[in-house]
Amino acid sequence: MSVGQVILLSGALLAYLVGSGWASGQETVQYFTSSGMWCFVPGILNIIMLYFGYVAYGYAGRTRGIDSLAGVFEFYVGKYIGKLFVLFAWLFTFCAYVFMIAGFGATLEQQVGIPTAVGSALGSVLAIVTALFGLNGIVNVIGKIGPFIVAIITFIGVVSIFMFAPYITQGAALLASGEITVPVAGGGHPLTAGLSFGGCSLLLCSAYVARQAHDLREYKWSNFKLIVLIGAVVDSVVPIMIGYAHLGNIQNSANAEIPNLILANHIFPGLGIILSIVILLAIYSTICPLMWSTISTFFKDEKSAKYKIACCVFAVAVYIVTLFVPYSTLLNYIMTYCGYSGAIVFAACVIRYFMIRSADKKSGKVTEAVVAIEES
């Protein structure tokens, strides 16, 4: 696999993971900043959960030829629990699509004053149009967007953490005293926040990674693991930086729907406009595969009329929901509780992965794919 392919596939995974959560900063504030000086803990747990969770998916795809999330779960935990895990993943992708469409509208309203209803409608239309191209078309689009999104947000994070570093301990004290409060996701403790955040990240891309693991079998196992590692590390390190930056600017970031715009505009006003575009691209790069994941569970043929009609009906139904519930509220409730279910999926699949891999080695009855994995 060439360096360019690794960058493209890592970019696609990152674009999927970024979404409207840590691109907007709302997810970062609720999971990372809310942990105060322990802001780094959720990030460390996220790296561990994403890497080993996706490697487990990859092992099932490469060694058993499994090309679907349902197949991966059935392989690891059996038919009935596997169906429950598929339900967990489907519910989260459905719900994540809901709060990201709301985030699209909230971004346009905060930065340029466009009504939320209009912005969310625009996001819905873009998602429909792109999802109709199918998974390969989506990967080609978001793979090119991902690195750009991460670069801009990383720049803002690095600059902001230096700007607000002197005020981080003060911000942590304000949170600890209760003088300033922020929405809290993940139970209000760094460890439970990490489990919830990691569970959400795992579920968010489950269907996508399961399919990619199967499709990339012709390449070395180390290539797949590198793609996953890049995604896991970047998806954790950047939010940690931005989480501390918001802690140092807690008076302004606490009540903002899109906190990262506060940081960007503080660096210089024009950057806020650029970040708005980046956030919209980040949301766009996530809502498209989310729609695909949700609809393709029921309609496999991406060229069929049923698939296309389902995309349209789904988008309209979600749009109606976003008219009545604020973005920050949707994100808080959905990610907290769906994240815990993702942590359960992680524990079960990873434990079974190590057990099965060990049994494969001992039995000697391994497929050619397994041998290729171990040799690479």
Protein backbone atom coordinates (compact mmCIF):
# COMPACT_ATOMS: atom_id res chain seq x y z
CA MET A 1 0.00 0.00 0.00
CA SER A 2 1.41 3.39 -0.98
CA VAL A 3 1.83 6.32 1.38
CA GLY A 4 -0.86 8.15 -0.58
CA GLN A 5 -3.35 5.34 0.01
CA VAL A 6 -2.56 5.28 3.73
CA ILE A 7 -3.15 9.04 3.91
CA LEU A 8 -6.39 8.78 1.92
CA LEU A 9 -7.81 5.97 4.05
CA SER A 10 -6.61 7.53 7.32
CA GLY A 11 -8.14 10.81 6.17
CA ALA A 12 -11.45 9.10 5.43
CA LEU A 13 -11.50 7.48 8.87
CA LEU A 14 -10.61 10.76 10.58
CA ALA A 15 -13.19 12.71 8.62
CA TYR A 16 -15.76 10.15 9.75
CA LEU A 17 -14.60 10.40 13.39
CA VAL A 18 -14.37 14.21 13.53
CA GLY A 19 -17.97 15.00 12.64
CA SER A 20 -19.63 17.87 14.44
CA GLY A 21 -18.28 16.78 17.82
CA TRP A 22 -14.69 17.86 18.33
CA ALA A 23 -14.74 19.94 15.15
CA SER A 24 -17.33 22.21 16.77
CA GLY A 25 -15.81 21.84 20.24
CA GLN A 26 -19.11 20.93 21.90
CA GLU A 27 -18.13 17.28 22.30
CA THR A 28 -14.67 18.33 23.50
CA VAL A 29 -16.09 20.61 26.19
CA GLN A 30 -18.57 18.00 27.44
CA TYR A 31 -16.10 15.09 27.56
CA PHE A 32 -12.65 16.64 27.99
CA THR A 33 -12.91 20.16 29.42
CA SER A 34 -15.50 19.01 31.97
CA SER A 35 -12.82 16.70 33.42
CA GLY A 36 -10.70 19.70 34.44
CA MET A 37 -6.99 18.99 34.81
CA TRP A 38 -7.71 15.31 34.10
CA CYS A 39 -8.68 16.29 30.57
CA PHE A 40 -6.17 13.82 29.08
CA VAL A 41 -7.77 10.69 30.59
CA PRO A 42 -10.69 10.35 28.14
CA GLY A 43 -8.22 10.72 25.27
CA ILE A 44 -5.97 7.90 26.49
CA LEU A 45 -8.92 5.56 26.90
CA ASN A 46 -10.16 6.52 23.45
CA ILE A 47 -6.84 5.53 21.84
CA ILE A 48 -6.92 2.12 23.51
CA MET A 49 -10.56 1.42 22.69
CA LEU A 50 -10.39 2.56 19.07
CA TYR A 51 -7.18 0.78 18.20
CA PHE A 52 -7.93 -2.61 19.72
CA GLY A 53 -11.62 -2.48 18.81
CA TYR A 54 -10.91 -1.83 15.14
CA VAL A 55 -8.07 -4.36 15.05
CA ALA A 56 -10.57 -6.92 16.33
CA TYR A 57 -12.95 -6.01 13.49
CA GLY A 58 -10.07 -6.28 11.04
CA TYR A 59 -9.04 -9.74 12.22
CA ALA A 60 -12.54 -11.08 11.60
CA GLY A 61 -12.63 -9.55 8.14
CA ARG A 62 -9.19 -10.76 7.05
CA THR A 63 -9.20 -14.25 8.51
CA ARG A 64 -12.84 -15.26 8.01
CA GLY A 65 -13.78 -13.16 5.01
CA ILE A 66 -16.51 -11.36 6.94
CA ASP A 67 -17.60 -8.18 5.16
CA SER A 68 -20.36 -6.85 7.41
CA LEU A 69 -20.67 -5.55 10.94
CA ALA A 70 -23.40 -8.09 11.69
CA GLY A 71 -21.02 -10.86 10.63
CA VAL A 72 -18.22 -9.49 12.83
CA PHE A 73 -20.45 -9.35 15.89
CA GLU A 74 -21.90 -12.81 15.27
CA PHE A 75 -18.38 -14.19 14.88
CA TYR A 76 -17.26 -12.80 18.23
CA VAL A 77 -20.32 -13.04 20.48
CA GLY A 78 -22.81 -15.32 18.74
CA LYS A 79 -26.03 -14.82 16.82
CA TYR A 80 -28.30 -13.30 19.45
CA ILE A 81 -25.89 -11.04 21.32
CA GLY A 82 -24.46 -10.12 17.92
CA LYS A 83 -27.86 -8.84 16.83
CA LEU A 84 -28.07 -6.78 20.02
CA PHE A 85 -24.66 -5.24 19.26
CA VAL A 86 -25.76 -4.44 15.72
CA LEU A 87 -28.76 -2.68 17.24
CA PHE A 88 -26.42 -0.67 19.51
CA ALA A 89 -24.35 0.43 16.51
CA TRP A 90 -27.37 1.20 14.36
CA LEU A 91 -29.05 3.25 17.07
CA PHE A 92 -25.93 5.32 17.61
CA THR A 93 -25.31 5.98 13.92
CA PHE A 94 -28.94 7.00 13.61
CA CYS A 95 -28.78 9.28 16.65
CA ALA A 96 -25.37 10.69 15.71
CA TYR A 97 -26.75 11.69 12.34
CA VAL A 98 -29.52 13.56 14.18
CA PHE A 99 -27.23 15.68 16.36
CA MET A 100 -24.81 16.34 13.51
CA ILE A 101 -27.55 17.73 11.29
CA ALA A 102 -28.45 19.96 14.25
CA GLY A 103 -24.76 20.93 14.52
CA PHE A 104 -24.71 21.94 10.86
CA GLY A 105 -27.55 24.38 11.50
CA ALA A 106 -26.07 25.64 14.80
CA THR A 107 -22.73 26.46 13.13
CA LEU A 108 -24.33 28.56 10.41
CA GLU A 109 -26.50 30.38 12.94
CA GLN A 110 -23.67 31.24 15.37
CA GLN A 111 -21.17 32.43 12.74
CA VAL A 112 -23.25 34.01 9.97
CA GLY A 113 -26.76 34.34 11.42
CA ILE A 114 -28.53 31.90 9.10
CA PRO A 115 -31.56 30.40 10.92
CA THR A 116 -30.91 26.91 12.31
CA ALA A 117 -33.85 25.48 10.36
CA VAL A 118 -32.38 26.66 7.06
CA GLY A 119 -28.87 25.43 7.88
CA SER A 120 -30.07 21.99 8.97
CA ALA A 121 -32.13 21.70 5.78
CA LEU A 122 -29.04 22.45 3.70
CA GLY A 123 -27.06 19.78 5.56
CA SER A 124 -29.82 17.25 4.95
CA VAL A 125 -29.85 17.90 1.21
CA LEU A 126 -26.06 17.54 0.96
CA ALA A 127 -26.17 14.25 2.87
CA ILE A 128 -28.85 12.83 0.58
CA VAL A 129 -27.01 13.77 -2.60
CA THR A 130 -23.69 12.28 -1.44
CA ALA A 131 -25.17 9.11 0.12
CA LEU A 132 -26.74 8.27 -3.23
CA PHE A 133 -23.22 7.69 -4.61
CA GLY A 134 -22.74 4.70 -2.26
CA LEU A 135 -19.82 3.87 0.05
CA ASN A 136 -17.02 4.08 -2.52
CA GLY A 137 -18.16 7.50 -3.64
CA ILE A 138 -18.32 8.65 -0.03
CA VAL A 139 -14.77 7.43 0.72
CA ASN A 140 -13.40 9.27 -2.32
CA VAL A 141 -15.03 12.50 -1.15
CA ILE A 142 -14.30 12.43 2.59
CA GLY A 143 -10.81 10.92 2.22
CA LYS A 144 -9.68 14.15 0.57
CA ILE A 145 -11.48 16.38 3.09
CA GLY A 146 -10.25 14.63 6.25
CA PRO A 147 -6.57 15.71 6.35
CA PHE A 148 -7.53 19.34 5.64
CA ILE A 149 -10.09 19.36 8.46
CA VAL A 150 -7.66 17.86 10.96
CA ALA A 151 -4.87 20.27 9.94
CA ILE A 152 -7.00 23.39 10.51
CA ILE A 153 -8.44 22.23 13.83
CA THR A 154 -5.00 21.10 15.02
CA PHE A 155 -3.59 24.54 14.16
CA ILE A 156 -6.34 26.22 16.20
CA GLY A 157 -5.73 23.80 19.06
CA VAL A 158 -1.96 24.39 19.15
CA VAL A 159 -2.23 28.19 18.96
CA SER A 160 -5.07 28.33 21.48
CA ILE A 161 -3.40 26.14 24.07
CA PHE A 162 -0.37 28.47 24.07
CA MET A 163 -2.63 31.52 24.29
CA PHE A 164 -4.71 30.20 27.18
CA ALA A 165 -2.12 28.02 28.96
CA PRO A 166 -1.61 30.58 31.79
CA TYR A 167 -5.32 30.39 32.62
CA ILE A 168 -5.84 26.60 32.56
CA THR A 169 -5.45 26.08 36.32
CA GLN A 170 -7.75 29.04 36.96
CA GLY A 171 -10.34 27.55 34.63
CA ALA A 172 -10.08 24.19 36.37
CA ALA A 173 -10.62 25.91 39.73
CA LEU A 174 -13.72 27.71 38.42
CA LEU A 175 -15.18 24.40 37.26
CA ALA A 176 -14.30 22.60 40.49
CA SER A 177 -15.90 25.34 42.61
CA GLY A 178 -19.09 25.31 40.56
CA GLU A 179 -18.77 29.01 39.80
CA ILE A 180 -18.85 28.10 36.12
CA THR A 181 -20.59 24.99 34.80
CA VAL A 182 -20.46 23.21 31.46
CA PRO A 183 -22.63 20.45 30.03
CA VAL A 184 -21.16 17.15 31.22
CA ALA A 185 -21.23 13.96 29.15
CA GLY A 186 -20.13 10.54 30.33
CA GLY A 187 -21.16 10.63 33.97
CA GLY A 188 -18.97 13.49 35.16
CA HIS A 189 -15.83 11.41 35.89
CA PRO A 190 -12.76 11.23 33.61
CA LEU A 191 -12.83 7.41 33.49
CA THR A 192 -16.52 7.08 32.69
CA ALA A 193 -16.18 9.97 30.25
CA GLY A 194 -13.37 8.10 28.51
CA LEU A 195 -15.38 4.88 28.32
CA SER A 196 -18.38 6.75 26.93
CA PHE A 197 -16.33 8.79 24.44
CA GLY A 198 -14.36 5.73 23.32
CA GLY A 199 -17.57 3.73 23.01
CA CYS A 200 -19.09 6.42 20.82
CA SER A 201 -16.01 6.61 18.61
CA LEU A 202 -16.01 2.83 18.23
CA LEU A 203 -19.69 2.59 17.32
CA LEU A 204 -19.58 5.60 15.03
CA CYS A 205 -17.35 3.92 12.45
CA SER A 206 -18.12 0.26 13.18
CA ALA A 207 -19.92 -0.56 9.93
CA TYR A 208 -17.42 1.43 7.87
CA VAL A 209 -14.31 -0.16 9.45
CA ALA A 210 -15.76 -3.68 9.25
CA ARG A 211 -16.33 -3.24 5.53
CA GLN A 212 -12.92 -1.63 4.93
CA ALA A 213 -11.11 -4.38 6.86
CA HIS A 214 -12.56 -6.95 4.46
CA ASP A 215 -11.93 -4.87 1.34
CA LEU A 216 -8.27 -4.22 2.26
CA ARG A 217 -7.32 -7.89 2.66
CA GLU A 218 -4.96 -7.74 -0.32
CA TYR A 219 -2.72 -5.36 1.62
CA LYS A 220 -0.52 -6.14 4.60
CA TRP A 221 -2.07 -6.38 8.03
CA SER A 222 0.39 -3.74 9.20
CA ASN A 223 -1.10 -1.26 6.70
CA PHE A 224 -4.58 -1.66 8.17
CA LYS A 225 -3.25 -1.35 11.72
CA LEU A 226 -1.33 1.81 10.79
CA ILE A 227 -4.49 3.40 9.37
CA VAL A 228 -6.39 2.54 12.55
CA LEU A 229 -3.55 3.78 14.79
CA ILE A 230 -3.35 7.13 13.01
CA GLY A 231 -7.10 7.56 13.38
CA ALA A 232 -7.08 6.61 17.07
CA VAL A 233 -4.16 8.86 18.03
CA VAL A 234 -5.29 11.95 16.13
CA ASP A 235 -8.89 11.50 17.30
CA SER A 236 -7.59 11.66 20.87
CA VAL A 237 -4.62 14.05 20.93
CA VAL A 238 -6.33 16.94 19.14
CA PRO A 239 -9.41 16.95 21.44
CA ILE A 240 -7.09 16.84 24.48
CA MET A 241 -5.32 20.00 23.25
CA ILE A 242 -8.56 21.78 22.48
CA GLY A 243 -10.08 20.60 25.75
CA TYR A 244 -7.30 22.31 27.71
CA ALA A 245 -7.62 25.44 25.54
CA HIS A 246 -11.32 25.68 26.41
CA LEU A 247 -10.43 25.16 30.06
CA GLY A 248 -8.20 28.23 29.87
CA ASN A 249 -10.99 30.20 28.19
CA ILE A 250 -13.80 28.67 30.21
CA GLN A 251 -15.67 31.94 30.81
CA ASN A 252 -16.37 32.27 27.09
CA SER A 253 -16.49 28.64 26.00
CA ALA A 254 -18.85 27.33 28.68
CA ASN A 255 -22.14 28.43 27.13
CA ALA A 256 -21.31 28.49 23.42
CA GLU A 257 -23.09 26.05 21.10
CA ILE A 258 -19.96 25.99 18.89
CA PRO A 259 -17.06 26.62 21.34
CA ASN A 260 -14.29 26.23 18.75
CA LEU A 261 -15.55 29.33 16.95
CA ILE A 262 -14.79 31.27 20.14
CA LEU A 263 -11.17 30.07 20.01
CA ALA A 264 -10.82 30.76 16.29
CA ASN A 265 -12.24 34.28 16.49
CA HIS A 266 -9.94 35.00 19.44
CA ILE A 267 -6.88 34.20 17.28
CA PHE A 268 -8.16 36.54 14.55
CA PRO A 269 -11.73 37.21 13.31
CA GLY A 270 -11.20 35.88 9.80
CA LEU A 271 -10.24 32.48 11.18
CA GLY A 272 -13.75 32.09 12.58
CA ILE A 273 -15.15 32.19 9.07
CA ILE A 274 -12.58 29.64 7.89
CA LEU A 275 -13.35 27.37 10.84
CA SER A 276 -17.07 27.63 10.12
CA ILE A 277 -16.39 26.23 6.67
CA VAL A 278 -14.16 23.52 8.17
CA ILE A 279 -16.83 22.53 10.70
CA LEU A 280 -19.43 22.32 7.97
CA LEU A 281 -17.06 20.15 5.93
CA ALA A 282 -16.40 17.99 9.00
CA ILE A 283 -20.10 17.49 9.62
CA TYR A 284 -20.69 16.82 5.93
CA SER A 285 -17.89 14.24 5.89
CA THR A 286 -19.56 12.39 8.77
CA ILE A 287 -23.28 12.66 8.06
CA CYS A 288 -22.84 11.10 4.62
CA PRO A 289 -21.35 7.77 5.80
CA LEU A 290 -23.70 7.85 8.80
CA MET A 291 -26.65 7.95 6.44
CA TRP A 292 -25.09 5.14 4.41
CA SER A 293 -24.53 3.04 7.58
CA THR A 294 -28.10 3.58 8.75
CA ILE A 295 -29.83 2.88 5.44
CA SER A 296 -27.55 0.10 4.13
CA THR A 297 -28.43 -2.01 7.18
CA PHE A 298 -31.84 -2.54 5.59
CA PHE A 299 -31.19 -1.87 1.90
CA LYS A 300 -27.94 -3.42 0.65
CA ASP A 301 -28.24 -2.41 -3.00
CA GLU A 302 -27.00 1.18 -3.13
CA LYS A 303 -28.33 1.60 -6.68
CA SER A 304 -31.87 0.44 -5.92
CA ALA A 305 -34.88 2.75 -5.80
CA LYS A 306 -35.66 1.53 -2.26
CA TYR A 307 -32.24 2.66 -1.02
CA LYS A 308 -32.65 6.10 -2.58
CA ILE A 309 -36.19 6.57 -1.28
CA ALA A 310 -35.12 5.46 2.21
CA CYS A 311 -32.32 8.07 2.21
CA CYS A 312 -34.81 10.82 1.40
CA VAL A 313 -37.42 9.73 3.96
CA PHE A 314 -34.78 9.32 6.67
CA ALA A 315 -33.30 12.78 6.03
CA VAL A 316 -36.70 14.49 6.19
CA ALA A 317 -37.67 12.70 9.43
CA VAL A 318 -34.40 13.66 11.12
CA TYR A 319 -34.68 17.25 9.96
CA ILE A 320 -38.06 17.55 11.69
CA VAL A 321 -36.54 16.31 14.97
CA THR A 322 -33.75 18.91 14.84
CA LEU A 323 -36.31 21.71 14.68
CA PHE A 324 -37.37 21.00 18.27
CA VAL A 325 -34.25 19.90 20.21
CA PRO A 326 -31.02 22.00 20.57
CA TYR A 327 -27.72 20.63 19.26
CA SER A 328 -25.91 20.61 22.63
CA THR A 329 -28.77 18.73 24.30
CA LEU A 330 -28.93 16.13 21.54
CA LEU A 331 -25.17 15.56 21.69
CA ASN A 332 -25.12 15.24 25.48
CA TYR A 333 -27.83 12.63 25.89
CA ILE A 334 -27.08 10.62 22.76
CA MET A 335 -23.32 10.33 23.26
CA THR A 336 -23.43 9.60 26.98
CA TYR A 337 -25.77 6.62 26.84
CA CYS A 338 -24.79 5.27 23.43
CA GLY A 339 -21.17 5.50 24.54
CA TYR A 340 -21.72 3.11 27.41
CA SER A 341 -23.20 0.54 25.03
CA GLY A 342 -20.12 1.01 22.84
CA ALA A 343 -17.88 0.26 25.82
CA ILE A 344 -19.71 -3.05 26.29
CA VAL A 345 -19.21 -3.88 22.60
CA PHE A 346 -15.51 -3.04 22.93
CA ALA A 347 -14.97 -5.28 25.95
CA ALA A 348 -16.79 -8.27 24.48
CA CYS A 349 -15.22 -8.11 21.00
CA VAL A 350 -11.66 -7.43 22.14
CA ILE A 351 -11.67 -10.19 24.76
CA ARG A 352 -13.03 -12.65 22.20
CA TYR A 353 -10.49 -11.41 19.63
CA PHE A 354 -7.55 -12.28 21.87
CA MET A 355 -9.10 -15.65 22.73
CA ILE A 356 -9.74 -16.55 19.08
CA ARG A 357 -6.35 -15.32 17.88
CA SER A 358 -4.66 -17.42 20.56
CA ALA A 359 -6.70 -20.48 19.58
CA ASP A 360 -5.84 -19.93 15.91
CA LYS A 361 -2.14 -19.93 16.71
CA LYS A 362 -2.31 -23.03 18.89
CA SER A 363 -4.48 -25.10 16.57
CA GLY A 364 -2.40 -24.54 13.47
CA LYS A 365 -5.65 -24.69 11.53
CA VAL A 366 -5.38 -21.20 10.24
CA THR A 367 -6.35 -19.87 6.85
CA GLU A 368 -3.88 -18.40 4.40
CA ALA A 369 -5.13 -14.98 5.45
CA VAL A 370 -4.08 -15.62 9.05
CA VAL A 371 -0.65 -16.78 7.96
CA ALA A 372 -0.29 -13.62 5.87
CA ILE A 373 -1.23 -11.54 8.88
CA GLU A 374 1.34 -13.13 11.14
CA GLU A 375 4.08 -12.91 8.51
CA SER A 376 3.44 -9.24 7.81
